[in-house]
Amino acid sequence: MKQLQNLTDEPIQRHTILFEQSEIKFVLRFYPRTSVWLFDAEFGNKSVFGLKLSVGVLHMLSQNQPFDFVCLDRSGNGVDPFTRQDFSAGRCEIYLLEAADMKLIRGVEVQF
């Protein structure tokens, strides 16, 4: 499990995550009107767009990818990220789960 670094309070953030001799393109967006953070992820020839970040949820469970993302609330309240400062202030963190992490959670090997 690897914590995503350099998350700021910018409303649109683009990150490249090195993964298995390739890269994941990760775009994080904040929508102030609805107070919600969404993300896009591209890996290989597969993409997902507009997934809402929710605390404690495996976001890519049905996407058949060798990784997933999980958001944690470090305040202990279990509240989804809803302000621009949630990541920059450290209240919320995003982690990349690799295949070994997903096997521990799901109890089966990741098939993709």
C-alpha atoms as a PDB file:
ATOM      1  CA  MET A   1       0.000   0.000   0.000  1.00  0.00           C
ATOM      2  CA  LYS A   2       1.571   3.263  -1.123  1.00  0.00           C
ATOM      3  CA  GLN A   3       0.372   6.709  -0.114  1.00  0.00           C
ATOM      4  CA  LEU A   4      -0.043   9.155  -2.987  1.00  0.00           C
ATOM      5  CA  GLN A   5       2.282  12.082  -2.377  1.00  0.00           C
ATOM      6  CA  ASN A   6       2.103  15.744  -3.346  1.00  0.00           C
ATOM      7  CA  LEU A   7      -1.680  16.080  -3.129  1.00  0.00           C
ATOM      8  CA  THR A   8      -2.540  19.748  -2.789  1.00  0.00           C
ATOM      9  CA  ASP A   9      -5.623  21.946  -2.532  1.00  0.00           C
ATOM     10  CA  GLU A  10      -5.578  22.693  -6.271  1.00  0.00           C
ATOM     11  CA  PRO A  11      -8.998  21.874  -7.767  1.00  0.00           C
ATOM     12  CA  ILE A  12      -7.478  19.945 -10.709  1.00  0.00           C
ATOM     13  CA  GLN A  13      -4.388  17.823 -10.101  1.00  0.00           C
ATOM     14  CA  ARG A  14      -2.595  15.502 -12.513  1.00  0.00           C
ATOM     15  CA  HIS A  15      -0.314  12.807 -11.161  1.00  0.00           C
ATOM     16  CA  THR A  16       1.694  10.033 -12.800  1.00  0.00           C
ATOM     17  CA  ILE A  17       2.125   6.942 -10.646  1.00  0.00           C
ATOM     18  CA  LEU A  18       4.813   4.423 -11.573  1.00  0.00           C
ATOM     19  CA  PHE A  19       3.339   0.932 -11.490  1.00  0.00           C
ATOM     20  CA  GLU A  20       4.679  -2.415 -12.810  1.00  0.00           C
ATOM     21  CA  GLN A  21       7.114  -0.952 -15.365  1.00  0.00           C
ATOM     22  CA  SER A  22       4.337   1.300 -16.609  1.00  0.00           C
ATOM     23  CA  GLU A  23       2.360   4.232 -15.257  1.00  0.00           C
ATOM     24  CA  ILE A  24      -1.077   5.136 -14.020  1.00  0.00           C
ATOM     25  CA  LYS A  25      -2.353   8.558 -14.997  1.00  0.00           C
ATOM     26  CA  PHE A  26      -4.380   9.863 -12.066  1.00  0.00           C
ATOM     27  CA  VAL A  27      -6.409  13.077 -12.237  1.00  0.00           C
ATOM     28  CA  LEU A  28      -8.017  14.422  -9.073  1.00  0.00           C
ATOM     29  CA  ARG A  29     -10.777  17.052  -9.344  1.00  0.00           C
ATOM     30  CA  PHE A  30     -12.611  19.099  -6.732  1.00  0.00           C
ATOM     31  CA  TYR A  31     -16.116  20.414  -7.484  1.00  0.00           C
ATOM     32  CA  PRO A  32     -16.924  23.233  -5.041  1.00  0.00           C
ATOM     33  CA  ARG A  33     -20.606  23.473  -5.966  1.00  0.00           C
ATOM     34  CA  THR A  34     -21.211  19.943  -4.686  1.00  0.00           C
ATOM     35  CA  SER A  35     -18.221  19.756  -2.285  1.00  0.00           C
ATOM     36  CA  VAL A  36     -16.954  16.517  -3.773  1.00  0.00           C
ATOM     37  CA  TRP A  37     -13.637  15.087  -4.989  1.00  0.00           C
ATOM     38  CA  LEU A  38     -13.684  12.854  -8.095  1.00  0.00           C
ATOM     39  CA  PHE A  39     -10.866  11.081  -9.887  1.00  0.00           C
ATOM     40  CA  ASP A  40      -9.981   9.628 -13.277  1.00  0.00           C
ATOM     41  CA  ALA A  41      -7.455   6.816 -13.760  1.00  0.00           C
ATOM     42  CA  GLU A  42      -5.844   5.508 -16.939  1.00  0.00           C
ATOM     43  CA  PHE A  43      -3.701   2.379 -17.099  1.00  0.00           C
ATOM     44  CA  GLY A  44      -2.818   0.533 -20.272  1.00  0.00           C
ATOM     45  CA  ASN A  45      -5.820   0.637 -22.562  1.00  0.00           C
ATOM     46  CA  LYS A  46      -8.390   1.033 -19.762  1.00  0.00           C
ATOM     47  CA  SER A  47      -9.747   4.243 -18.266  1.00  0.00           C
ATOM     48  CA  VAL A  48     -12.264   5.223 -15.623  1.00  0.00           C
ATOM     49  CA  PHE A  49     -13.658   8.713 -15.261  1.00  0.00           C
ATOM     50  CA  GLY A  50     -15.480  10.599 -12.541  1.00  0.00           C
ATOM     51  CA  LEU A  51     -15.283   8.150  -9.641  1.00  0.00           C
ATOM     52  CA  LYS A  52     -16.263   9.834  -6.364  1.00  0.00           C
ATOM     53  CA  LEU A  53     -13.707   9.479  -3.586  1.00  0.00           C
ATOM     54  CA  SER A  54     -15.329   7.887  -0.559  1.00  0.00           C
ATOM     55  CA  VAL A  55     -13.600   6.926   2.665  1.00  0.00           C
ATOM     56  CA  GLY A  56     -12.833   3.218   3.081  1.00  0.00           C
ATOM     57  CA  VAL A  57     -14.190   2.164  -0.323  1.00  0.00           C
ATOM     58  CA  LEU A  58     -12.378   0.116  -2.965  1.00  0.00           C
ATOM     59  CA  HIS A  59     -13.048   2.342  -5.952  1.00  0.00           C
ATOM     60  CA  MET A  60     -11.940   0.113  -8.823  1.00  0.00           C
ATOM     61  CA  LEU A  61     -13.370  -3.198  -7.620  1.00  0.00           C
ATOM     62  CA  SER A  62     -15.330  -3.817 -10.822  1.00  0.00           C
ATOM     63  CA  GLN A  63     -12.730  -2.383 -13.213  1.00  0.00           C
ATOM     64  CA  ASN A  64     -10.556  -5.540 -13.493  1.00  0.00           C
ATOM     65  CA  GLN A  65      -7.298  -3.709 -12.832  1.00  0.00           C
ATOM     66  CA  PRO A  66      -4.231  -4.961 -10.910  1.00  0.00           C
ATOM     67  CA  PHE A  67      -4.563  -2.060  -8.465  1.00  0.00           C
ATOM     68  CA  ASP A  68      -7.130  -0.030  -6.561  1.00  0.00           C
ATOM     69  CA  PHE A  69      -7.338   3.229  -4.657  1.00  0.00           C
ATOM     70  CA  VAL A  70      -8.603   3.748  -1.133  1.00  0.00           C
ATOM     71  CA  CYS A  71      -9.186   7.037   0.692  1.00  0.00           C
ATOM     72  CA  LEU A  72      -8.679   7.219   4.452  1.00  0.00           C
ATOM     73  CA  ASP A  73      -9.935   9.855   6.895  1.00  0.00           C
ATOM     74  CA  ARG A  74      -7.123  10.458   9.394  1.00  0.00           C
ATOM     75  CA  SER A  75      -9.406  12.460  11.703  1.00  0.00           C
ATOM     76  CA  GLY A  76     -11.180   9.218  12.614  1.00  0.00           C
ATOM     77  CA  ASN A  77     -14.634  10.582  11.774  1.00  0.00           C
ATOM     78  CA  GLY A  78     -15.134   8.539   8.589  1.00  0.00           C
ATOM     79  CA  VAL A  79     -16.204  11.604   6.589  1.00  0.00           C
ATOM     80  CA  ASP A  80     -15.597  11.666   2.831  1.00  0.00           C
ATOM     81  CA  PRO A  81     -13.320  14.438   1.546  1.00  0.00           C
ATOM     82  CA  PHE A  82     -15.473  17.529   0.981  1.00  0.00           C
ATOM     83  CA  THR A  83     -13.199  20.604   1.224  1.00  0.00           C
ATOM     84  CA  ARG A  84     -10.338  21.724  -0.998  1.00  0.00           C
ATOM     85  CA  GLN A  85      -7.952  21.443   1.953  1.00  0.00           C
ATOM     86  CA  ASP A  86      -8.777  17.863   2.948  1.00  0.00           C
ATOM     87  CA  PHE A  87      -5.648  16.429   1.267  1.00  0.00           C
ATOM     88  CA  SER A  88      -3.246  19.336   1.711  1.00  0.00           C
ATOM     89  CA  ALA A  89      -4.103  19.609   5.432  1.00  0.00           C
ATOM     90  CA  GLY A  90      -3.681  15.851   5.915  1.00  0.00           C
ATOM     91  CA  ARG A  91      -7.236  15.058   7.015  1.00  0.00           C
ATOM     92  CA  CYS A  92      -7.621  12.648   4.108  1.00  0.00           C
ATOM     93  CA  GLU A  93      -5.064  10.491   2.311  1.00  0.00           C
ATOM     94  CA  ILE A  94      -5.242   8.374  -0.845  1.00  0.00           C
ATOM     95  CA  TYR A  95      -3.422   5.065  -1.104  1.00  0.00           C
ATOM     96  CA  LEU A  96      -2.610   2.883  -4.097  1.00  0.00           C
ATOM     97  CA  LEU A  97      -3.332  -0.768  -3.364  1.00  0.00           C
ATOM     98  CA  GLU A  98      -1.238  -3.213  -5.340  1.00  0.00           C
ATOM     99  CA  ALA A  99      -2.134  -6.810  -6.216  1.00  0.00           C
ATOM    100  CA  ALA A 100      -0.698  -8.218  -2.956  1.00  0.00           C
ATOM    101  CA  ASP A 101      -2.748  -5.729  -0.905  1.00  0.00           C
ATOM    102  CA  MET A 102      -5.883  -6.591  -2.849  1.00  0.00           C
ATOM    103  CA  LYS A 103      -5.322 -10.327  -2.287  1.00  0.00           C
ATOM    104  CA  LEU A 104      -5.235  -9.731   1.475  1.00  0.00           C
ATOM    105  CA  ILE A 105      -8.472  -7.729   1.310  1.00  0.00           C
ATOM    106  CA  ARG A 106     -10.400  -9.899  -1.164  1.00  0.00           C
ATOM    107  CA  GLY A 107      -8.934 -13.266  -0.188  1.00  0.00           C
ATOM    108  CA  VAL A 108      -8.279 -14.267  -3.822  1.00  0.00           C
ATOM    109  CA  GLU A 109      -5.622 -13.518  -6.424  1.00  0.00           C
ATOM    110  CA  VAL A 110      -6.244 -10.536  -8.644  1.00  0.00           C
ATOM    111  CA  GLN A 111      -7.129 -11.686 -12.171  1.00  0.00           C
ATOM    112  CA  PHE A 112      -6.843  -9.225 -15.042  1.00  0.00           C
END
